[in-house]
Amino acid sequence: MQQSSEETQYKQLFKQSLLAQLGISDEKDFSKEEKKATEAEKAPVEKQLKQETPQEKEQRLAKMKEFEQKHSFDKVYKLKKEVLQELKELNLNDSQREKLMKLEKALDTEKKDHDKQKKEGKPQNGFAKFFARNNGALSSKKQKDQQEIEC
């Protein structure tokens, strides 16, 4: 399955975000196999990581948020899991591996909560909740009116 350039870009941005959280910025932190496999892709990410300014970080986060709003939660979750799997293959020290596991658990918890919410059929945003609440109130008011008319 071929990924769109937008999805690939999102994965790179997310990967950059995780690498920053793990404190990885040098090529020597990567295993030799990973270096060969992603040398072309990784080089620009590492450059950005080393000299990322607060504005660049803000732009990266804004691009990620924009992508997340355009695409379904399931698609975003799948891409994030792919990045986490790629990072698991790196030669990480114990504290980095532990951080990565915590990030993955948090992502899985978010997924479970999302699935639970979806299963229960709860509206996910305030706008939808507002309309669901008003529609319910209007329908019960209509029912009362109908009963009064029938009597």
N, C-alpha and C. Protein backbone atom coordinates (compact mmCIF):
# COMPACT_ATOMS: atom_id res chain seq x y z
N MET A 1 0.84 -1.19 0.00
CA MET A 1 0.00 0.00 0.00
C MET A 1 0.88 1.25 0.00
N GLN A 2 0.68 2.13 -0.95
CA GLN A 2 1.47 3.34 -1.09
C GLN A 2 0.84 4.44 -0.24
N GLN A 3 1.65 5.10 0.56
CA GLN A 3 1.15 6.19 1.39
C GLN A 3 1.25 7.50 0.63
N SER A 4 0.33 8.40 0.90
CA SER A 4 0.38 9.71 0.27
C SER A 4 1.55 10.50 0.86
N SER A 5 1.95 11.52 0.13
CA SER A 5 3.06 12.34 0.62
C SER A 5 2.66 13.05 1.91
N GLU A 6 1.37 13.36 2.03
CA GLU A 6 0.87 14.00 3.24
C GLU A 6 1.04 13.07 4.45
N GLU A 7 0.73 11.78 4.26
CA GLU A 7 0.88 10.81 5.34
C GLU A 7 2.35 10.61 5.69
N THR A 8 3.19 10.53 4.66
CA THR A 8 4.63 10.37 4.88
C THR A 8 5.18 11.57 5.64
N GLN A 9 4.73 12.76 5.26
CA GLN A 9 5.19 13.97 5.94
C GLN A 9 4.76 13.95 7.41
N TYR A 10 3.51 13.52 7.66
CA TYR A 10 3.02 13.45 9.03
C TYR A 10 3.87 12.48 9.86
N LYS A 11 4.16 11.32 9.25
CA LYS A 11 4.98 10.34 9.95
C LYS A 11 6.35 10.92 10.29
N GLN A 12 6.94 11.65 9.36
CA GLN A 12 8.26 12.25 9.62
C GLN A 12 8.17 13.28 10.74
N LEU A 13 7.11 14.08 10.72
CA LEU A 13 6.93 15.09 11.77
C LEU A 13 6.75 14.43 13.13
N PHE A 14 5.93 13.37 13.16
CA PHE A 14 5.69 12.66 14.42
C PHE A 14 6.97 11.99 14.91
N LYS A 15 7.72 11.42 13.96
CA LYS A 15 8.98 10.77 14.30
C LYS A 15 9.95 11.80 14.88
N GLN A 16 10.00 12.97 14.26
CA GLN A 16 10.87 14.05 14.74
C GLN A 16 10.46 14.45 16.16
N SER A 17 9.17 14.50 16.40
CA SER A 17 8.66 14.85 17.71
C SER A 17 9.09 13.81 18.76
N LEU A 18 8.96 12.54 18.42
CA LEU A 18 9.34 11.47 19.35
C LEU A 18 10.85 11.47 19.58
N LEU A 19 11.62 11.67 18.52
CA LEU A 19 13.08 11.70 18.67
C LEU A 19 13.50 12.83 19.62
N ALA A 20 12.83 13.96 19.50
CA ALA A 20 13.13 15.08 20.39
C ALA A 20 12.81 14.71 21.84
N GLN A 21 11.68 14.03 22.04
CA GLN A 21 11.29 13.62 23.39
C GLN A 21 12.26 12.60 23.96
N LEU A 22 12.79 11.75 23.10
CA LEU A 22 13.74 10.73 23.54
C LEU A 22 15.15 11.28 23.68
N GLY A 23 15.37 12.48 23.17
CA GLY A 23 16.69 13.09 23.26
C GLY A 23 17.68 12.52 22.25
N ILE A 24 17.17 12.02 21.13
CA ILE A 24 18.04 11.45 20.10
C ILE A 24 18.24 12.49 19.01
N SER A 25 19.50 12.82 18.75
CA SER A 25 19.74 13.76 17.66
C SER A 25 21.00 13.42 16.87
N ASP A 26 21.80 12.50 17.38
CA ASP A 26 23.03 12.14 16.69
C ASP A 26 22.88 10.84 15.93
N GLU A 27 23.56 10.75 14.79
CA GLU A 27 23.51 9.53 14.00
C GLU A 27 24.03 8.33 14.79
N LYS A 28 24.97 8.55 15.68
CA LYS A 28 25.56 7.44 16.42
C LYS A 28 24.55 6.75 17.34
N ASP A 29 23.42 7.41 17.61
CA ASP A 29 22.38 6.80 18.43
C ASP A 29 21.60 5.73 17.68
N PHE A 30 21.72 5.70 16.37
CA PHE A 30 20.97 4.76 15.56
C PHE A 30 21.79 3.51 15.28
N SER A 31 21.09 2.39 15.14
CA SER A 31 21.77 1.15 14.79
C SER A 31 22.24 1.23 13.34
N LYS A 32 23.23 0.42 12.98
CA LYS A 32 23.78 0.45 11.62
C LYS A 32 22.72 0.06 10.60
N GLU A 33 21.90 -0.92 10.90
CA GLU A 33 20.85 -1.36 9.97
C GLU A 33 19.87 -0.23 9.69
N GLU A 34 19.46 0.45 10.71
CA GLU A 34 18.51 1.55 10.56
C GLU A 34 19.15 2.67 9.75
N LYS A 35 20.41 2.91 9.98
CA LYS A 35 21.13 3.97 9.26
C LYS A 35 21.10 3.70 7.76
N LYS A 36 21.36 2.46 7.37
CA LYS A 36 21.36 2.10 5.96
C LYS A 36 19.95 2.20 5.37
N ALA A 37 18.98 1.74 6.12
CA ALA A 37 17.60 1.67 5.62
C ALA A 37 16.97 3.04 5.41
N THR A 38 17.31 4.00 6.27
CA THR A 38 16.63 5.29 6.20
C THR A 38 17.58 6.48 6.10
N GLU A 39 18.75 6.26 5.59
CA GLU A 39 19.75 7.33 5.55
C GLU A 39 19.23 8.57 4.84
N ALA A 40 18.64 8.41 3.68
CA ALA A 40 18.15 9.56 2.91
C ALA A 40 17.02 10.28 3.64
N GLU A 41 16.12 9.51 4.24
CA GLU A 41 14.97 10.08 4.93
C GLU A 41 15.38 10.72 6.25
N LYS A 42 16.32 10.10 6.94
CA LYS A 42 16.68 10.49 8.29
C LYS A 42 17.55 11.74 8.34
N ALA A 43 18.42 11.91 7.39
CA ALA A 43 19.38 13.01 7.42
C ALA A 43 18.71 14.37 7.59
N PRO A 44 17.69 14.71 6.79
CA PRO A 44 17.09 16.01 6.99
C PRO A 44 16.39 16.14 8.34
N VAL A 45 15.82 15.06 8.83
CA VAL A 45 15.14 15.09 10.13
C VAL A 45 16.15 15.40 11.23
N GLU A 46 17.30 14.76 11.19
CA GLU A 46 18.31 15.00 12.22
C GLU A 46 18.83 16.42 12.17
N LYS A 47 19.01 16.94 10.97
CA LYS A 47 19.47 18.32 10.83
C LYS A 47 18.49 19.26 11.49
N GLN A 48 17.19 19.06 11.18
CA GLN A 48 16.16 19.90 11.76
C GLN A 48 16.14 19.76 13.28
N LEU A 49 16.31 18.54 13.74
CA LEU A 49 16.24 18.26 15.16
C LEU A 49 17.33 19.01 15.93
N LYS A 50 18.54 19.04 15.37
CA LYS A 50 19.66 19.68 16.04
C LYS A 50 19.47 21.19 16.16
N GLN A 51 18.87 21.80 15.15
CA GLN A 51 18.79 23.25 15.15
C GLN A 51 17.35 23.76 15.10
N GLU A 52 16.43 22.99 15.67
CA GLU A 52 15.03 23.38 15.64
C GLU A 52 14.77 24.53 16.60
N THR A 53 14.24 25.61 16.08
CA THR A 53 13.91 26.77 16.90
C THR A 53 12.49 26.61 17.45
N PRO A 54 12.12 27.40 18.44
CA PRO A 54 10.74 27.31 18.95
C PRO A 54 9.69 27.55 17.86
N GLN A 55 10.01 28.45 16.90
CA GLN A 55 9.06 28.70 15.81
C GLN A 55 8.92 27.47 14.92
N GLU A 56 10.02 26.80 14.64
CA GLU A 56 9.98 25.59 13.82
C GLU A 56 9.18 24.49 14.53
N LYS A 57 9.38 24.40 15.84
CA LYS A 57 8.64 23.40 16.62
C LYS A 57 7.14 23.70 16.56
N GLU A 58 6.81 24.98 16.69
CA GLU A 58 5.42 25.41 16.62
C GLU A 58 4.81 25.08 15.26
N GLN A 59 5.58 25.33 14.19
CA GLN A 59 5.11 25.03 12.84
C GLN A 59 4.89 23.52 12.67
N ARG A 60 5.83 22.73 13.19
CA ARG A 60 5.72 21.28 13.09
C ARG A 60 4.45 20.80 13.81
N LEU A 61 4.24 21.31 15.01
CA LEU A 61 3.05 20.92 15.78
C LEU A 61 1.77 21.37 15.08
N ALA A 62 1.79 22.55 14.47
CA ALA A 62 0.61 23.05 13.75
C ALA A 62 0.31 22.17 12.55
N LYS A 63 1.35 21.77 11.81
CA LYS A 63 1.15 20.89 10.66
C LYS A 63 0.58 19.55 11.10
N MET A 64 1.09 19.03 12.21
CA MET A 64 0.59 17.75 12.72
C MET A 64 -0.89 17.87 13.12
N LYS A 65 -1.21 18.96 13.81
CA LYS A 65 -2.59 19.17 14.27
C LYS A 65 -3.54 19.31 13.07
N GLU A 66 -3.08 20.02 12.04
CA GLU A 66 -3.88 20.19 10.83
C GLU A 66 -4.17 18.83 10.18
N PHE A 67 -3.13 17.99 10.10
CA PHE A 67 -3.30 16.66 9.52
C PHE A 67 -4.29 15.85 10.35
N GLU A 68 -4.16 15.93 11.68
CA GLU A 68 -5.02 15.17 12.58
C GLU A 68 -6.48 15.59 12.44
N GLN A 69 -6.71 16.87 12.16
CA GLN A 69 -8.08 17.36 12.01
C GLN A 69 -8.69 16.92 10.68
N LYS A 70 -7.84 16.79 9.65
CA LYS A 70 -8.33 16.40 8.32
C LYS A 70 -8.61 14.91 8.21
N HIS A 71 -7.93 14.10 9.01
CA HIS A 71 -8.01 12.65 8.86
C HIS A 71 -8.64 12.00 10.09
N SER A 72 -9.12 10.79 9.89
CA SER A 72 -9.79 10.07 10.97
C SER A 72 -8.79 9.71 12.08
N PHE A 73 -9.32 9.54 13.25
CA PHE A 73 -8.49 9.15 14.39
C PHE A 73 -7.78 7.84 14.11
N ASP A 74 -8.50 6.90 13.48
CA ASP A 74 -7.93 5.59 13.20
C ASP A 74 -6.72 5.68 12.27
N LYS A 75 -6.79 6.54 11.27
CA LYS A 75 -5.68 6.70 10.33
C LYS A 75 -4.46 7.30 11.05
N VAL A 76 -4.71 8.33 11.86
CA VAL A 76 -3.63 8.98 12.61
C VAL A 76 -3.00 7.98 13.58
N TYR A 77 -3.84 7.20 14.25
CA TYR A 77 -3.35 6.19 15.20
C TYR A 77 -2.46 5.18 14.48
N LYS A 78 -2.89 4.73 13.31
CA LYS A 78 -2.13 3.75 12.53
C LYS A 78 -0.75 4.31 12.15
N LEU A 79 -0.71 5.55 11.72
CA LEU A 79 0.56 6.18 11.34
C LEU A 79 1.48 6.33 12.55
N LYS A 80 0.91 6.72 13.67
CA LYS A 80 1.71 6.87 14.89
C LYS A 80 2.29 5.52 15.33
N LYS A 81 1.47 4.47 15.23
CA LYS A 81 1.95 3.13 15.61
C LYS A 81 3.10 2.69 14.70
N GLU A 82 3.00 3.01 13.40
CA GLU A 82 4.07 2.67 12.47
C GLU A 82 5.38 3.34 12.87
N VAL A 83 5.30 4.61 13.25
CA VAL A 83 6.49 5.34 13.67
C VAL A 83 7.06 4.74 14.95
N LEU A 84 6.18 4.40 15.89
CA LEU A 84 6.64 3.79 17.14
C LEU A 84 7.36 2.46 16.86
N GLN A 85 6.83 1.68 15.93
CA GLN A 85 7.48 0.41 15.57
C GLN A 85 8.86 0.65 14.96
N GLU A 86 8.96 1.67 14.11
CA GLU A 86 10.26 2.01 13.51
C GLU A 86 11.26 2.38 14.60
N LEU A 87 10.82 3.17 15.56
CA LEU A 87 11.72 3.62 16.62
C LEU A 87 12.12 2.50 17.57
N LYS A 88 11.24 1.52 17.73
CA LYS A 88 11.57 0.37 18.58
C LYS A 88 12.76 -0.40 18.03
N GLU A 89 12.93 -0.35 16.71
CA GLU A 89 14.02 -1.08 16.07
C GLU A 89 15.37 -0.38 16.23
N LEU A 90 15.35 0.85 16.74
CA LEU A 90 16.60 1.59 16.92
C LEU A 90 17.36 1.06 18.13
N ASN A 91 18.63 1.37 18.15
CA ASN A 91 19.48 0.98 19.27
C ASN A 91 19.32 2.03 20.37
N LEU A 92 18.34 1.84 21.25
CA LEU A 92 18.02 2.80 22.30
C LEU A 92 18.60 2.37 23.64
N ASN A 93 18.91 3.35 24.48
CA ASN A 93 19.32 2.99 25.83
C ASN A 93 18.07 2.73 26.67
N ASP A 94 18.25 2.26 27.88
CA ASP A 94 17.12 1.84 28.72
C ASP A 94 16.11 2.96 28.97
N SER A 95 16.60 4.15 29.29
CA SER A 95 15.67 5.25 29.60
C SER A 95 14.89 5.66 28.35
N GLN A 96 15.55 5.64 27.19
CA GLN A 96 14.85 5.97 25.95
C GLN A 96 13.81 4.92 25.61
N ARG A 97 14.16 3.65 25.81
CA ARG A 97 13.23 2.57 25.55
C ARG A 97 12.01 2.68 26.48
N GLU A 98 12.27 3.03 27.74
CA GLU A 98 11.20 3.18 28.72
C GLU A 98 10.26 4.33 28.33
N LYS A 99 10.83 5.47 27.91
CA LYS A 99 10.02 6.60 27.46
C LYS A 99 9.16 6.21 26.27
N LEU A 100 9.76 5.47 25.34
CA LEU A 100 9.04 5.04 24.15
C LEU A 100 7.87 4.13 24.53
N MET A 101 8.09 3.24 25.48
CA MET A 101 7.02 2.34 25.94
C MET A 101 5.89 3.15 26.58
N LYS A 102 6.24 4.16 27.38
CA LYS A 102 5.22 5.00 28.02
C LYS A 102 4.41 5.76 26.97
N LEU A 103 5.10 6.26 25.94
CA LEU A 103 4.40 6.97 24.87
C LEU A 103 3.45 6.05 24.13
N GLU A 104 3.89 4.81 23.91
CA GLU A 104 3.04 3.84 23.22
C GLU A 104 1.83 3.48 24.08
N LYS A 105 2.03 3.30 25.38
CA LYS A 105 0.91 2.99 26.26
C LYS A 105 -0.10 4.13 26.28
N ALA A 106 0.40 5.36 26.30
CA ALA A 106 -0.49 6.52 26.29
C ALA A 106 -1.30 6.57 25.00
N LEU A 107 -0.65 6.25 23.88
CA LEU A 107 -1.34 6.21 22.59
C LEU A 107 -2.40 5.12 22.57
N ASP A 108 -2.06 3.95 23.10
CA ASP A 108 -3.02 2.84 23.16
C ASP A 108 -4.21 3.17 24.06
N THR A 109 -3.95 3.85 25.17
CA THR A 109 -5.02 4.26 26.07
C THR A 109 -5.95 5.25 25.37
N GLU A 110 -5.35 6.18 24.63
CA GLU A 110 -6.14 7.15 23.87
C GLU A 110 -7.02 6.43 22.84
N LYS A 111 -6.48 5.41 22.21
CA LYS A 111 -7.21 4.62 21.22
C LYS A 111 -8.38 3.89 21.89
N LYS A 112 -8.13 3.27 23.05
CA LYS A 112 -9.20 2.56 23.77
C LYS A 112 -10.32 3.52 24.15
N ASP A 113 -9.95 4.70 24.66
CA ASP A 113 -10.95 5.69 25.04
C ASP A 113 -11.77 6.12 23.82
N HIS A 114 -11.07 6.33 22.71
CA HIS A 114 -11.75 6.72 21.47
C HIS A 114 -12.73 5.64 21.01
N ASP A 115 -12.27 4.39 21.04
CA ASP A 115 -13.12 3.27 20.63
C ASP A 115 -14.32 3.12 21.55
N LYS A 116 -14.09 3.31 22.85
CA LYS A 116 -15.17 3.20 23.83
C LYS A 116 -16.21 4.29 23.57
N GLN A 117 -15.73 5.50 23.32
CA GLN A 117 -16.62 6.62 23.04
C GLN A 117 -17.41 6.36 21.76
N LYS A 118 -16.74 5.82 20.76
CA LYS A 118 -17.36 5.52 19.48
C LYS A 118 -18.43 4.43 19.66
N LYS A 119 -18.10 3.42 20.46
CA LYS A 119 -19.00 2.30 20.70
C LYS A 119 -20.26 2.77 21.43
N GLU A 120 -20.08 3.66 22.39
CA GLU A 120 -21.21 4.16 23.16
C GLU A 120 -22.03 5.17 22.36
N GLY A 121 -21.47 5.62 21.24
CA GLY A 121 -22.20 6.54 20.37
C GLY A 121 -22.26 7.96 20.90
N LYS A 122 -21.34 8.29 21.77
CA LYS A 122 -21.32 9.64 22.32
C LYS A 122 -20.76 10.61 21.28
N PRO A 123 -21.36 11.76 21.15
CA PRO A 123 -20.78 12.78 20.28
C PRO A 123 -19.41 13.18 20.82
N GLN A 124 -18.51 13.50 19.92
CA GLN A 124 -17.14 13.74 20.35
C GLN A 124 -16.80 15.20 20.59
N ASN A 125 -17.53 16.11 19.97
CA ASN A 125 -17.16 17.51 20.20
C ASN A 125 -18.33 18.26 20.83
N GLY A 126 -18.04 19.42 21.34
CA GLY A 126 -19.04 20.22 22.03
C GLY A 126 -20.19 20.62 21.12
N PHE A 127 -19.90 20.89 19.89
CA PHE A 127 -20.93 21.29 18.93
C PHE A 127 -21.94 20.16 18.74
N ALA A 128 -21.43 18.95 18.54
CA ALA A 128 -22.31 17.79 18.36
C ALA A 128 -23.10 17.51 19.64
N LYS A 129 -22.45 17.65 20.80
CA LYS A 129 -23.14 17.42 22.07
C LYS A 129 -24.30 18.40 22.23
N PHE A 130 -24.05 19.66 21.86
CA PHE A 130 -25.06 20.70 21.97
C PHE A 130 -26.30 20.33 21.15
N PHE A 131 -26.07 19.91 19.90
CA PHE A 131 -27.19 19.56 19.05
C PHE A 131 -27.88 18.28 19.52
N ALA A 132 -27.12 17.33 20.01
CA ALA A 132 -27.72 16.09 20.51
C ALA A 132 -28.61 16.40 21.71
N ARG A 133 -28.14 17.28 22.57
CA ARG A 133 -28.90 17.65 23.76
C ARG A 133 -30.17 18.40 23.36
N ASN A 134 -30.05 19.35 22.45
CA ASN A 134 -31.21 20.13 22.01
C ASN A 134 -32.21 19.29 21.25
N ASN A 135 -31.72 18.39 20.41
CA ASN A 135 -32.63 17.52 19.68
C ASN A 135 -33.42 16.64 20.64
N GLY A 136 -32.77 16.17 21.67
CA GLY A 136 -33.45 15.35 22.67
C GLY A 136 -34.49 16.16 23.41
N ALA A 137 -34.15 17.38 23.77
CA ALA A 137 -35.07 18.24 24.49
C ALA A 137 -36.26 18.61 23.61
N LEU A 138 -36.00 18.91 22.35
CA LEU A 138 -37.08 19.26 21.44
C LEU A 138 -38.01 18.09 21.20
N SER A 139 -37.43 16.91 21.04
CA SER A 139 -38.28 15.75 20.77
C SER A 139 -39.16 15.42 21.97
N SER A 140 -38.64 15.57 23.19
CA SER A 140 -39.49 15.29 24.35
C SER A 140 -40.57 16.36 24.49
N LYS A 141 -40.25 17.61 24.12
CA LYS A 141 -41.24 18.67 24.17
C LYS A 141 -42.33 18.41 23.12
N LYS A 142 -41.92 17.95 21.94
CA LYS A 142 -42.89 17.62 20.90
C LYS A 142 -43.80 16.48 21.35
N GLN A 143 -43.21 15.51 22.05
CA GLN A 143 -44.01 14.38 22.54
C GLN A 143 -45.07 14.87 23.53
N LYS A 144 -44.69 15.79 24.42
CA LYS A 144 -45.64 16.34 25.38
C LYS A 144 -46.75 17.08 24.66
N ASP A 145 -46.36 17.87 23.64
CA ASP A 145 -47.35 18.61 22.86
C ASP A 145 -48.30 17.64 22.18
N GLN A 146 -47.76 16.56 21.61
CA GLN A 146 -48.59 15.56 20.92
C GLN A 146 -49.60 14.94 21.91
N GLN A 147 -49.09 14.63 23.11
CA GLN A 147 -49.98 14.01 24.11
C GLN A 147 -51.09 14.97 24.52
N GLU A 148 -50.77 16.25 24.65
CA GLU A 148 -51.77 17.24 25.03
C GLU A 148 -52.82 17.39 23.93
N ILE A 149 -52.36 17.34 22.67
CA ILE A 149 -53.27 17.47 21.54
C ILE A 149 -54.22 16.27 21.49
N GLU A 150 -53.71 15.07 21.76
CA GLU A 150 -54.49 13.86 21.69
C GLU A 150 -55.55 13.80 22.79
N CYS A 151 -55.28 14.42 23.94
CA CYS A 151 -56.22 14.35 25.06
C CYS A 151 -57.40 15.22 24.94
